[in-house]
Amino acid sequence: MTAKRQTKAKQAKTVKGKVAKKAEVKKKKAKSKAPKKRFEVEFYRDWCKGCGICSAFCPEEALAMNEKGEPEISKPERCIGCAWCEMRCPDFAVRVKEKKEEVCEA
């Protein structure tokens, strides 16, 4: 450890107020987290030629090619909405959009 890190570590251990405040801030951040956004991926089957570029570029591996050679969203919960598949598709056959929350009217 460098000298600066050692002194900071000693300060954190000796000053209980600072440590307690950091823990309180972490708790507040955990409580105030917004719900995770969900995304839909649409495929225009008439335009798609089945090249597999969309599934190859997906950073979260949410897309896969099915047995017919067509792209599908195999793990929708993993989609982060980056739209790499949409940008890389040479046929403009992929569309990514945010799912709208369903509102229950009682």
PDB file of N, CA and C in Angstrom:
ATOM      1  N   MET A   1       0.827  -1.189   0.000  1.00  0.00           N
ATOM      2  CA  MET A   1       0.000   0.000   0.000  1.00  0.00           C
ATOM      3  C   MET A   1       0.867   1.248   0.000  1.00  0.00           C
ATOM      4  N   THR A   2       0.380   2.263  -0.681  1.00  0.00           N
ATOM      5  CA  THR A   2       1.119   3.523  -0.674  1.00  0.00           C
ATOM      6  C   THR A   2       0.845   4.252   0.631  1.00  0.00           C
ATOM      7  N   ALA A   3       1.617   5.289   0.885  1.00  0.00           N
ATOM      8  CA  ALA A   3       1.492   6.042   2.132  1.00  0.00           C
ATOM      9  C   ALA A   3       0.125   6.713   2.245  1.00  0.00           C
ATOM     10  N   LYS A   4      -0.383   7.243   1.128  1.00  0.00           N
ATOM     11  CA  LYS A   4      -1.694   7.905   1.159  1.00  0.00           C
ATOM     12  C   LYS A   4      -2.798   6.917   1.500  1.00  0.00           C
ATOM     13  N   ARG A   5      -2.743   5.750   0.901  1.00  0.00           N
ATOM     14  CA  ARG A   5      -3.770   4.740   1.158  1.00  0.00           C
ATOM     15  C   ARG A   5      -3.729   4.270   2.614  1.00  0.00           C
ATOM     16  N   GLN A   6      -2.511   4.146   3.158  1.00  0.00           N
ATOM     17  CA  GLN A   6      -2.390   3.705   4.545  1.00  0.00           C
ATOM     18  C   GLN A   6      -2.994   4.726   5.490  1.00  0.00           C
ATOM     19  N   THR A   7      -2.735   6.006   5.240  1.00  0.00           N
ATOM     20  CA  THR A   7      -3.277   7.029   6.127  1.00  0.00           C
ATOM     21  C   THR A   7      -4.795   7.102   6.005  1.00  0.00           C
ATOM     22  N   LYS A   8      -5.320   6.945   4.795  1.00  0.00           N
ATOM     23  CA  LYS A   8      -6.769   6.951   4.620  1.00  0.00           C
ATOM     24  C   LYS A   8      -7.402   5.758   5.316  1.00  0.00           C
ATOM     25  N   ALA A   9      -6.768   4.620   5.234  1.00  0.00           N
ATOM     26  CA  ALA A   9      -7.292   3.427   5.891  1.00  0.00           C
ATOM     27  C   ALA A   9      -7.299   3.612   7.401  1.00  0.00           C
ATOM     28  N   LYS A  10      -6.227   4.214   7.938  1.00  0.00           N
ATOM     29  CA  LYS A  10      -6.157   4.476   9.379  1.00  0.00           C
ATOM     30  C   LYS A  10      -7.237   5.457   9.796  1.00  0.00           C
ATOM     31  N   GLN A  11      -7.458   6.503   8.978  1.00  0.00           N
ATOM     32  CA  GLN A  11      -8.484   7.487   9.304  1.00  0.00           C
ATOM     33  C   GLN A  11      -9.860   6.847   9.314  1.00  0.00           C
ATOM     34  N   ALA A  12     -10.136   5.999   8.363  1.00  0.00           N
ATOM     35  CA  ALA A  12     -11.437   5.345   8.293  1.00  0.00           C
ATOM     36  C   ALA A  12     -11.652   4.431   9.504  1.00  0.00           C
ATOM     37  N   LYS A  13     -10.588   3.786   9.947  1.00  0.00           N
ATOM     38  CA  LYS A  13     -10.709   2.906  11.096  1.00  0.00           C
ATOM     39  C   LYS A  13     -10.853   3.689  12.392  1.00  0.00           C
ATOM     40  N   THR A  14     -10.160   4.823  12.499  1.00  0.00           N
ATOM     41  CA  THR A  14     -10.167   5.558  13.749  1.00  0.00           C
ATOM     42  C   THR A  14     -11.377   6.485  13.887  1.00  0.00           C
ATOM     43  N   VAL A  15     -11.864   7.032  12.811  1.00  0.00           N
ATOM     44  CA  VAL A  15     -12.987   7.956  12.885  1.00  0.00           C
ATOM     45  C   VAL A  15     -14.266   7.176  12.576  1.00  0.00           C
ATOM     46  N   LYS A  16     -14.992   6.826  13.611  1.00  0.00           N
ATOM     47  CA  LYS A  16     -16.180   5.994  13.446  1.00  0.00           C
ATOM     48  C   LYS A  16     -17.302   6.752  12.731  1.00  0.00           C
ATOM     49  N   GLY A  17     -17.374   8.024  12.899  1.00  0.00           N
ATOM     50  CA  GLY A  17     -18.428   8.818  12.277  1.00  0.00           C
ATOM     51  C   GLY A  17     -18.377   8.749  10.764  1.00  0.00           C
ATOM     52  N   LYS A  18     -17.196   8.811  10.210  1.00  0.00           N
ATOM     53  CA  LYS A  18     -17.049   8.746   8.749  1.00  0.00           C
ATOM     54  C   LYS A  18     -17.475   7.385   8.213  1.00  0.00           C
ATOM     55  N   VAL A  19     -17.102   6.338   8.900  1.00  0.00           N
ATOM     56  CA  VAL A  19     -17.450   5.000   8.459  1.00  0.00           C
ATOM     57  C   VAL A  19     -18.965   4.816   8.512  1.00  0.00           C
ATOM     58  N   ALA A  20     -19.581   5.307   9.577  1.00  0.00           N
ATOM     59  CA  ALA A  20     -21.027   5.180   9.719  1.00  0.00           C
ATOM     60  C   ALA A  20     -21.738   5.970   8.631  1.00  0.00           C
ATOM     61  N   LYS A  21     -21.246   7.150   8.303  1.00  0.00           N
ATOM     62  CA  LYS A  21     -21.875   7.962   7.271  1.00  0.00           C
ATOM     63  C   LYS A  21     -21.790   7.280   5.907  1.00  0.00           C
ATOM     64  N   LYS A  22     -20.659   6.669   5.609  1.00  0.00           N
ATOM     65  CA  LYS A  22     -20.500   5.964   4.335  1.00  0.00           C
ATOM     66  C   LYS A  22     -21.497   4.817   4.232  1.00  0.00           C
ATOM     67  N   ALA A  23     -21.699   4.098   5.318  1.00  0.00           N
ATOM     68  CA  ALA A  23     -22.648   2.983   5.322  1.00  0.00           C
ATOM     69  C   ALA A  23     -24.072   3.495   5.111  1.00  0.00           C
ATOM     70  N   GLU A  24     -24.409   4.634   5.739  1.00  0.00           N
ATOM     71  CA  GLU A  24     -25.743   5.210   5.568  1.00  0.00           C
ATOM     72  C   GLU A  24     -25.979   5.622   4.120  1.00  0.00           C
ATOM     73  N   VAL A  25     -24.972   6.200   3.487  1.00  0.00           N
ATOM     74  CA  VAL A  25     -25.090   6.619   2.094  1.00  0.00           C
ATOM     75  C   VAL A  25     -25.312   5.411   1.196  1.00  0.00           C
ATOM     76  N   LYS A  26     -24.598   4.330   1.443  1.00  0.00           N
ATOM     77  CA  LYS A  26     -24.766   3.118   0.646  1.00  0.00           C
ATOM     78  C   LYS A  26     -26.178   2.564   0.784  1.00  0.00           C
ATOM     79  N   LYS A  27     -26.738   2.591   2.002  1.00  0.00           N
ATOM     80  CA  LYS A  27     -28.103   2.106   2.217  1.00  0.00           C
ATOM     81  C   LYS A  27     -29.111   2.959   1.452  1.00  0.00           C
ATOM     82  N   LYS A  28     -28.928   4.274   1.474  1.00  0.00           N
ATOM     83  CA  LYS A  28     -29.838   5.173   0.769  1.00  0.00           C
ATOM     84  C   LYS A  28     -29.780   4.929  -0.733  1.00  0.00           C
ATOM     85  N   LYS A  29     -28.587   4.721  -1.267  1.00  0.00           N
ATOM     86  CA  LYS A  29     -28.441   4.454  -2.700  1.00  0.00           C
ATOM     87  C   LYS A  29     -29.133   3.157  -3.076  1.00  0.00           C
ATOM     88  N   ALA A  30     -29.023   2.145  -2.232  1.00  0.00           N
ATOM     89  CA  ALA A  30     -29.651   0.858  -2.516  1.00  0.00           C
ATOM     90  C   ALA A  30     -31.171   0.979  -2.527  1.00  0.00           C
ATOM     91  N   LYS A  31     -31.722   1.777  -1.633  1.00  0.00           N
ATOM     92  CA  LYS A  31     -33.169   1.958  -1.559  1.00  0.00           C
ATOM     93  C   LYS A  31     -33.707   2.778  -2.720  1.00  0.00           C
ATOM     94  N   SER A  32     -32.938   3.734  -3.194  1.00  0.00           N
ATOM     95  CA  SER A  32     -33.421   4.659  -4.213  1.00  0.00           C
ATOM     96  C   SER A  32     -33.170   4.186  -5.643  1.00  0.00           C
ATOM     97  N   LYS A  33     -32.766   2.938  -5.814  1.00  0.00           N
ATOM     98  CA  LYS A  33     -32.518   2.422  -7.162  1.00  0.00           C
ATOM     99  C   LYS A  33     -33.815   2.386  -7.955  1.00  0.00           C
ATOM    100  N   ALA A  34     -33.750   2.867  -9.160  1.00  0.00           N
ATOM    101  CA  ALA A  34     -34.913   2.823 -10.050  1.00  0.00           C
ATOM    102  C   ALA A  34     -35.075   1.402 -10.570  1.00  0.00           C
ATOM    103  N   PRO A  35     -36.297   1.020 -10.910  1.00  0.00           N
ATOM    104  CA  PRO A  35     -36.478  -0.324 -11.462  1.00  0.00           C
ATOM    105  C   PRO A  35     -35.730  -0.473 -12.780  1.00  0.00           C
ATOM    106  N   LYS A  36     -35.240  -1.667 -13.025  1.00  0.00           N
ATOM    107  CA  LYS A  36     -34.465  -1.934 -14.229  1.00  0.00           C
ATOM    108  C   LYS A  36     -35.352  -1.792 -15.460  1.00  0.00           C
ATOM    109  N   LYS A  37     -34.833  -1.107 -16.450  1.00  0.00           N
ATOM    110  CA  LYS A  37     -35.577  -0.930 -17.694  1.00  0.00           C
ATOM    111  C   LYS A  37     -35.587  -2.237 -18.473  1.00  0.00           C
ATOM    112  N   ARG A  38     -36.693  -2.492 -19.127  1.00  0.00           N
ATOM    113  CA  ARG A  38     -36.833  -3.676 -19.964  1.00  0.00           C
ATOM    114  C   ARG A  38     -36.957  -3.234 -21.412  1.00  0.00           C
ATOM    115  N   PHE A  39     -36.453  -4.053 -22.312  1.00  0.00           N
ATOM    116  CA  PHE A  39     -36.458  -3.700 -23.727  1.00  0.00           C
ATOM    117  C   PHE A  39     -37.064  -4.817 -24.560  1.00  0.00           C
ATOM    118  N   GLU A  40     -37.649  -4.425 -25.667  1.00  0.00           N
ATOM    119  CA  GLU A  40     -38.202  -5.369 -26.637  1.00  0.00           C
ATOM    120  C   GLU A  40     -37.328  -5.315 -27.881  1.00  0.00           C
ATOM    121  N   VAL A  41     -37.126  -6.446 -28.488  1.00  0.00           N
ATOM    122  CA  VAL A  41     -36.400  -6.513 -29.750  1.00  0.00           C
ATOM    123  C   VAL A  41     -37.358  -7.077 -30.788  1.00  0.00           C
ATOM    124  N   GLU A  42     -37.601  -6.308 -31.830  1.00  0.00           N
ATOM    125  CA  GLU A  42     -38.488  -6.748 -32.904  1.00  0.00           C
ATOM    126  C   GLU A  42     -37.655  -7.096 -34.127  1.00  0.00           C
ATOM    127  N   PHE A  43     -38.060  -8.144 -34.806  1.00  0.00           N
ATOM    128  CA  PHE A  43     -37.397  -8.551 -36.040  1.00  0.00           C
ATOM    129  C   PHE A  43     -38.392  -8.450 -37.188  1.00  0.00           C
ATOM    130  N   TYR A  44     -37.996  -7.799 -38.255  1.00  0.00           N
ATOM    131  CA  TYR A  44     -38.812  -7.747 -39.464  1.00  0.00           C
ATOM    132  C   TYR A  44     -38.394  -8.943 -40.315  1.00  0.00           C
ATOM    133  N   ARG A  45     -39.151 -10.011 -40.202  1.00  0.00           N
ATOM    134  CA  ARG A  45     -38.789 -11.290 -40.821  1.00  0.00           C
ATOM    135  C   ARG A  45     -38.679 -11.209 -42.341  1.00  0.00           C
ATOM    136  N   ASP A  46     -39.487 -10.352 -42.965  1.00  0.00           N
ATOM    137  CA  ASP A  46     -39.431 -10.227 -44.424  1.00  0.00           C
ATOM    138  C   ASP A  46     -38.116  -9.600 -44.891  1.00  0.00           C
ATOM    139  N   TRP A  47     -37.526  -8.766 -44.048  1.00  0.00           N
ATOM    140  CA  TRP A  47     -36.289  -8.082 -44.433  1.00  0.00           C
ATOM    141  C   TRP A  47     -35.048  -8.881 -44.046  1.00  0.00           C
ATOM    142  N   CYS A  48     -35.167  -9.732 -43.039  1.00  0.00           N
ATOM    143  CA  CYS A  48     -34.015 -10.456 -42.491  1.00  0.00           C
ATOM    144  C   CYS A  48     -33.546 -11.553 -43.444  1.00  0.00           C
ATOM    145  N   LYS A  49     -32.222 -11.611 -43.662  1.00  0.00           N
ATOM    146  CA  LYS A  49     -31.662 -12.673 -44.504  1.00  0.00           C
ATOM    147  C   LYS A  49     -30.966 -13.753 -43.670  1.00  0.00           C
ATOM    148  N   GLY A  50     -30.983 -13.596 -42.326  1.00  0.00           N
ATOM    149  CA  GLY A  50     -30.425 -14.616 -41.441  1.00  0.00           C
ATOM    150  C   GLY A  50     -28.911 -14.653 -41.389  1.00  0.00           C
ATOM    151  N   CYS A  51     -28.268 -13.504 -41.501  1.00  0.00           N
ATOM    152  CA  CYS A  51     -26.802 -13.475 -41.517  1.00  0.00           C
ATOM    153  C   CYS A  51     -26.185 -13.716 -40.137  1.00  0.00           C
ATOM    154  N   GLY A  52     -26.922 -13.415 -39.056  1.00  0.00           N
ATOM    155  CA  GLY A  52     -26.418 -13.650 -37.703  1.00  0.00           C
ATOM    156  C   GLY A  52     -25.573 -12.538 -37.126  1.00  0.00           C
ATOM    157  N   ILE A  53     -25.466 -11.418 -37.817  1.00  0.00           N
ATOM    158  CA  ILE A  53     -24.654 -10.304 -37.313  1.00  0.00           C
ATOM    159  C   ILE A  53     -25.239  -9.768 -36.014  1.00  0.00           C
ATOM    160  N   CYS A  54     -26.556  -9.687 -35.931  1.00  0.00           N
ATOM    161  CA  CYS A  54     -27.205  -9.143 -34.733  1.00  0.00           C
ATOM    162  C   CYS A  54     -26.849  -9.969 -33.492  1.00  0.00           C
ATOM    163  N   SER A  55     -26.913 -11.273 -33.606  1.00  0.00           N
ATOM    164  CA  SER A  55     -26.603 -12.118 -32.454  1.00  0.00           C
ATOM    165  C   SER A  55     -25.105 -12.131 -32.152  1.00  0.00           C
ATOM    166  N   ALA A  56     -24.280 -11.985 -33.160  1.00  0.00           N
ATOM    167  CA  ALA A  56     -22.828 -11.971 -32.951  1.00  0.00           C
ATOM    168  C   ALA A  56     -22.374 -10.720 -32.210  1.00  0.00           C
ATOM    169  N   PHE A  57     -23.033  -9.576 -32.443  1.00  0.00           N
ATOM    170  CA  PHE A  57     -22.623  -8.323 -31.823  1.00  0.00           C
ATOM    171  C   PHE A  57     -23.287  -8.052 -30.480  1.00  0.00           C
ATOM    172  N   CYS A  58     -24.239  -8.875 -30.062  1.00  0.00           N
ATOM    173  CA  CYS A  58     -24.937  -8.641 -28.800  1.00  0.00           C
ATOM    174  C   CYS A  58     -23.965  -8.823 -27.628  1.00  0.00           C
ATOM    175  N   PRO A  59     -23.682  -7.754 -26.864  1.00  0.00           N
ATOM    176  CA  PRO A  59     -22.706  -7.869 -25.781  1.00  0.00           C
ATOM    177  C   PRO A  59     -23.188  -8.723 -24.613  1.00  0.00           C
ATOM    178  N   GLU A  60     -24.495  -8.850 -24.445  1.00  0.00           N
ATOM    179  CA  GLU A  60     -25.044  -9.626 -23.340  1.00  0.00           C
ATOM    180  C   GLU A  60     -25.520 -11.015 -23.765  1.00  0.00           C
ATOM    181  N   GLU A  61     -25.332 -11.349 -25.038  1.00  0.00           N
ATOM    182  CA  GLU A  61     -25.740 -12.638 -25.608  1.00  0.00           C
ATOM    183  C   GLU A  61     -27.226 -12.912 -25.372  1.00  0.00           C
ATOM    184  N   ALA A  62     -28.048 -11.856 -25.541  1.00  0.00           N
ATOM    185  CA  ALA A  62     -29.495 -11.987 -25.396  1.00  0.00           C
ATOM    186  C   ALA A  62     -30.124 -12.541 -26.670  1.00  0.00           C
ATOM    187  N   LEU A  63     -29.458 -12.367 -27.799  1.00  0.00           N
ATOM    188  CA  LEU A  63     -29.972 -12.851 -29.082  1.00  0.00           C
ATOM    189  C   LEU A  63     -29.266 -14.139 -29.484  1.00  0.00           C
ATOM    190  N   ALA A  64     -30.006 -14.971 -30.197  1.00  0.00           N
ATOM    191  CA  ALA A  64     -29.439 -16.217 -30.709  1.00  0.00           C
ATOM    192  C   ALA A  64     -30.148 -16.565 -32.008  1.00  0.00           C
ATOM    193  N   MET A  65     -29.536 -17.434 -32.778  1.00  0.00           N
ATOM    194  CA  MET A  65     -30.154 -17.904 -34.021  1.00  0.00           C
ATOM    195  C   MET A  65     -30.889 -19.203 -33.710  1.00  0.00           C
ATOM    196  N   ASN A  66     -32.122 -19.319 -34.188  1.00  0.00           N
ATOM    197  CA  ASN A  66     -32.883 -20.543 -33.940  1.00  0.00           C
ATOM    198  C   ASN A  66     -32.518 -21.608 -34.979  1.00  0.00           C
ATOM    199  N   GLU A  67     -33.190 -22.746 -34.925  1.00  0.00           N
ATOM    200  CA  GLU A  67     -32.857 -23.853 -35.822  1.00  0.00           C
ATOM    201  C   GLU A  67     -33.159 -23.558 -37.281  1.00  0.00           C
ATOM    202  N   LYS A  68     -34.031 -22.575 -37.541  1.00  0.00           N
ATOM    203  CA  LYS A  68     -34.344 -22.171 -38.920  1.00  0.00           C
ATOM    204  C   LYS A  68     -33.338 -21.160 -39.466  1.00  0.00           C
ATOM    205  N   GLY A  69     -32.430 -20.706 -38.607  1.00  0.00           N
ATOM    206  CA  GLY A  69     -31.449 -19.707 -39.023  1.00  0.00           C
ATOM    207  C   GLY A  69     -31.964 -18.284 -38.900  1.00  0.00           C
ATOM    208  N   GLU A  70     -33.014 -18.101 -38.101  1.00  0.00           N
ATOM    209  CA  GLU A  70     -33.590 -16.773 -37.887  1.00  0.00           C
ATOM    210  C   GLU A  70     -33.183 -16.270 -36.506  1.00  0.00           C
ATOM    211  N   PRO A  71     -32.985 -14.974 -36.366  1.00  0.00           N
ATOM    212  CA  PRO A  71     -32.638 -14.444 -35.046  1.00  0.00           C
ATOM    213  C   PRO A  71     -33.861 -14.445 -34.131  1.00  0.00           C
ATOM    214  N   GLU A  72     -33.585 -14.637 -32.850  1.00  0.00           N
ATOM    215  CA  GLU A  72     -34.640 -14.550 -31.846  1.00  0.00           C
ATOM    216  C   GLU A  72     -34.030 -14.063 -30.543  1.00  0.00           C
ATOM    217  N   ILE A  73     -34.855 -13.498 -29.694  1.00  0.00           N
ATOM    218  CA  ILE A  73     -34.359 -13.060 -28.405  1.00  0.00           C
ATOM    219  C   ILE A  73     -34.513 -14.231 -27.442  1.00  0.00           C
ATOM    220  N   SER A  74     -33.415 -14.890 -27.161  1.00  0.00           N
ATOM    221  CA  SER A  74     -33.443 -16.096 -26.350  1.00  0.00           C
ATOM    222  C   SER A  74     -33.448 -15.794 -24.853  1.00  0.00           C
ATOM    223  N   LYS A  75     -32.859 -14.657 -24.464  1.00  0.00           N
ATOM    224  CA  LYS A  75     -32.799 -14.270 -23.047  1.00  0.00           C
ATOM    225  C   LYS A  75     -33.202 -12.798 -22.920  1.00  0.00           C
ATOM    226  N   PRO A  76     -34.508 -12.500 -22.951  1.00  0.00           N
ATOM    227  CA  PRO A  76     -34.953 -11.100 -22.954  1.00  0.00           C
ATOM    228  C   PRO A  76     -34.561 -10.318 -21.703  1.00  0.00           C
ATOM    229  N   GLU A  77     -34.399 -10.998 -20.581  1.00  0.00           N
ATOM    230  CA  GLU A  77     -34.030 -10.301 -19.345  1.00  0.00           C
ATOM    231  C   GLU A  77     -32.604  -9.763 -19.389  1.00  0.00           C
ATOM    232  N   ARG A  78     -31.789 -10.269 -20.291  1.00  0.00           N
ATOM    233  CA  ARG A  78     -30.394  -9.833 -20.389  1.00  0.00           C
ATOM    234  C   ARG A  78     -30.206  -8.621 -21.297  1.00  0.00           C
ATOM    235  N   CYS A  79     -31.217  -8.277 -22.077  1.00  0.00           N
ATOM    236  CA  CYS A  79     -31.098  -7.155 -23.017  1.00  0.00           C
ATOM    237  C   CYS A  79     -30.958  -5.840 -22.253  1.00  0.00           C
ATOM    238  N   ILE A  80     -29.929  -5.065 -22.578  1.00  0.00           N
ATOM    239  CA  ILE A  80     -29.671  -3.792 -21.912  1.00  0.00           C
ATOM    240  C   ILE A  80     -30.070  -2.599 -22.774  1.00  0.00           C
ATOM    241  N   GLY A  81     -30.590  -2.852 -23.952  1.00  0.00           N
ATOM    242  CA  GLY A  81     -31.066  -1.782 -24.820  1.00  0.00           C
ATOM    243  C   GLY A  81     -29.974  -0.991 -25.496  1.00  0.00           C
ATOM    244  N   CYS A  82     -28.836  -1.567 -25.718  1.00  0.00           N
ATOM    245  CA  CYS A  82     -27.706  -0.853 -26.325  1.00  0.00           C
ATOM    246  C   CYS A  82     -27.917  -0.610 -27.820  1.00  0.00           C
ATOM    247  N   ALA A  83     -28.772  -1.411 -28.439  1.00  0.00           N
ATOM    248  CA  ALA A  83     -29.130  -1.305 -29.865  1.00  0.00           C
ATOM    249  C   ALA A  83     -27.969  -1.610 -30.816  1.00  0.00           C
ATOM    250  N   TRP A  84     -26.992  -2.370 -30.362  1.00  0.00           N
ATOM    251  CA  TRP A  84     -25.905  -2.773 -31.261  1.00  0.00           C
ATOM    252  C   TRP A  84     -26.450  -3.628 -32.390  1.00  0.00           C
ATOM    253  N   CYS A  85     -27.398  -4.484 -32.065  1.00  0.00           N
ATOM    254  CA  CYS A  85     -27.987  -5.354 -33.094  1.00  0.00           C
ATOM    255  C   CYS A  85     -28.687  -4.512 -34.152  1.00  0.00           C
ATOM    256  N   GLU A  86     -29.374  -3.481 -33.709  1.00  0.00           N
ATOM    257  CA  GLU A  86     -30.094  -2.598 -34.629  1.00  0.00           C
ATOM    258  C   GLU A  86     -29.125  -1.819 -35.525  1.00  0.00           C
ATOM    259  N   MET A  87     -28.047  -1.341 -34.938  1.00  0.00           N
ATOM    260  CA  MET A  87     -27.076  -0.553 -35.703  1.00  0.00           C
ATOM    261  C   MET A  87     -26.287  -1.399 -36.696  1.00  0.00           C
ATOM    262  N   ARG A  88     -26.000  -2.644 -36.330  1.00  0.00           N
ATOM    263  CA  ARG A  88     -25.149  -3.500 -37.161  1.00  0.00           C
ATOM    264  C   ARG A  88     -25.902  -4.268 -38.245  1.00  0.00           C
ATOM    265  N   CYS A  89     -27.221  -4.336 -38.150  1.00  0.00           N
ATOM    266  CA  CYS A  89     -27.996  -5.104 -39.125  1.00  0.00           C
ATOM    267  C   CYS A  89     -27.927  -4.440 -40.506  1.00  0.00           C
ATOM    268  N   PRO A  90     -27.401  -5.152 -41.501  1.00  0.00           N
ATOM    269  CA  PRO A  90     -27.271  -4.552 -42.833  1.00  0.00           C
ATOM    270  C   PRO A  90     -28.608  -4.388 -43.566  1.00  0.00           C
ATOM    271  N   ASP A  91     -29.644  -5.089 -43.077  1.00  0.00           N
ATOM    272  CA  ASP A  91     -30.950  -5.046 -43.739  1.00  0.00           C
ATOM    273  C   ASP A  91     -31.979  -4.227 -42.967  1.00  0.00           C
ATOM    274  N   PHE A  92     -31.572  -3.585 -41.869  1.00  0.00           N
ATOM    275  CA  PHE A  92     -32.474  -2.782 -41.035  1.00  0.00           C
ATOM    276  C   PHE A  92     -33.671  -3.616 -40.571  1.00  0.00           C
ATOM    277  N   ALA A  93     -33.421  -4.874 -40.247  1.00  0.00           N
ATOM    278  CA  ALA A  93     -34.481  -5.800 -39.878  1.00  0.00           C
ATOM    279  C   ALA A  93     -34.657  -5.938 -38.368  1.00  0.00           C
ATOM    280  N   VAL A  94     -33.924  -5.161 -37.575  1.00  0.00           N
ATOM    281  CA  VAL A  94     -33.996  -5.260 -36.122  1.00  0.00           C
ATOM    282  C   VAL A  94     -34.376  -3.897 -35.553  1.00  0.00           C
ATOM    283  N   ARG A  95     -35.239  -3.931 -34.546  1.00  0.00           N
ATOM    284  CA  ARG A  95     -35.641  -2.694 -33.872  1.00  0.00           C
ATOM    285  C   ARG A  95     -35.651  -2.952 -32.377  1.00  0.00           C
ATOM    286  N   VAL A  96     -35.022  -2.072 -31.609  1.00  0.00           N
ATOM    287  CA  VAL A  96     -34.986  -2.177 -30.156  1.00  0.00           C
ATOM    288  C   VAL A  96     -35.773  -1.006 -29.587  1.00  0.00           C
ATOM    289  N   LYS A  97     -36.693  -1.315 -28.668  1.00  0.00           N
ATOM    290  CA  LYS A  97     -37.439  -0.235 -28.023  1.00  0.00           C
ATOM    291  C   LYS A  97     -37.700  -0.604 -26.569  1.00  0.00           C
ATOM    292  N   GLU A  98     -37.882   0.416 -25.755  1.00  0.00           N
ATOM    293  CA  GLU A  98     -38.124   0.201 -24.338  1.00  0.00           C
ATOM    294  C   GLU A  98     -39.559  -0.268 -24.129  1.00  0.00           C
ATOM    295  N   LYS A  99     -39.713  -1.246 -23.249  1.00  0.00           N
ATOM    296  CA  LYS A  99     -41.062  -1.734 -22.926  1.00  0.00           C
ATOM    297  C   LYS A  99     -41.744  -0.715 -22.042  1.00  0.00           C
ATOM    298  N   LYS A 100     -42.997  -0.468 -22.329  1.00  0.00           N
ATOM    299  CA  LYS A 100     -43.765   0.432 -21.476  1.00  0.00           C
ATOM    300  C   LYS A 100     -44.406  -0.401 -20.370  1.00  0.00           C
ATOM    301  N   GLU A 101     -44.409   0.192 -19.173  1.00  0.00           N
ATOM    302  CA  GLU A 101     -44.997  -0.511 -18.041  1.00  0.00           C
ATOM    303  C   GLU A 101     -46.502  -0.564 -18.173  1.00  0.00           C
ATOM    304  N   GLU A 102     -47.060  -1.699 -17.828  1.00  0.00           N
ATOM    305  CA  GLU A 102     -48.500  -1.854 -17.876  1.00  0.00           C
ATOM    306  C   GLU A 102     -49.107  -1.199 -16.643  1.00  0.00           C
ATOM    307  N   VAL A 103     -50.137  -0.398 -16.866  1.00  0.00           N
ATOM    308  CA  VAL A 103     -50.794   0.285 -15.760  1.00  0.00           C
ATOM    309  C   VAL A 103     -52.117  -0.411 -15.492  1.00  0.00           C
ATOM    310  N   CYS A 104     -52.294  -0.840 -14.255  1.00  0.00           N
ATOM    311  CA  CYS A 104     -53.538  -1.513 -13.874  1.00  0.00           C
ATOM    312  C   CYS A 104     -54.551  -0.471 -13.416  1.00  0.00           C
ATOM    313  N   GLU A 105     -55.682  -0.470 -14.037  1.00  0.00           N
ATOM    314  CA  GLU A 105     -56.741   0.457 -13.621  1.00  0.00           C
ATOM    315  C   GLU A 105     -57.773  -0.322 -12.848  1.00  0.00           C
ATOM    316  N   ALA A 106     -57.937   0.037 -11.589  1.00  0.00           N
ATOM    317  CA  ALA A 106     -58.890  -0.688 -10.746  1.00  0.00           C
ATOM    318  C   ALA A 106     -60.111   0.131 -10.456  1.00  0.00           C
TER     319      ALA A 106
END
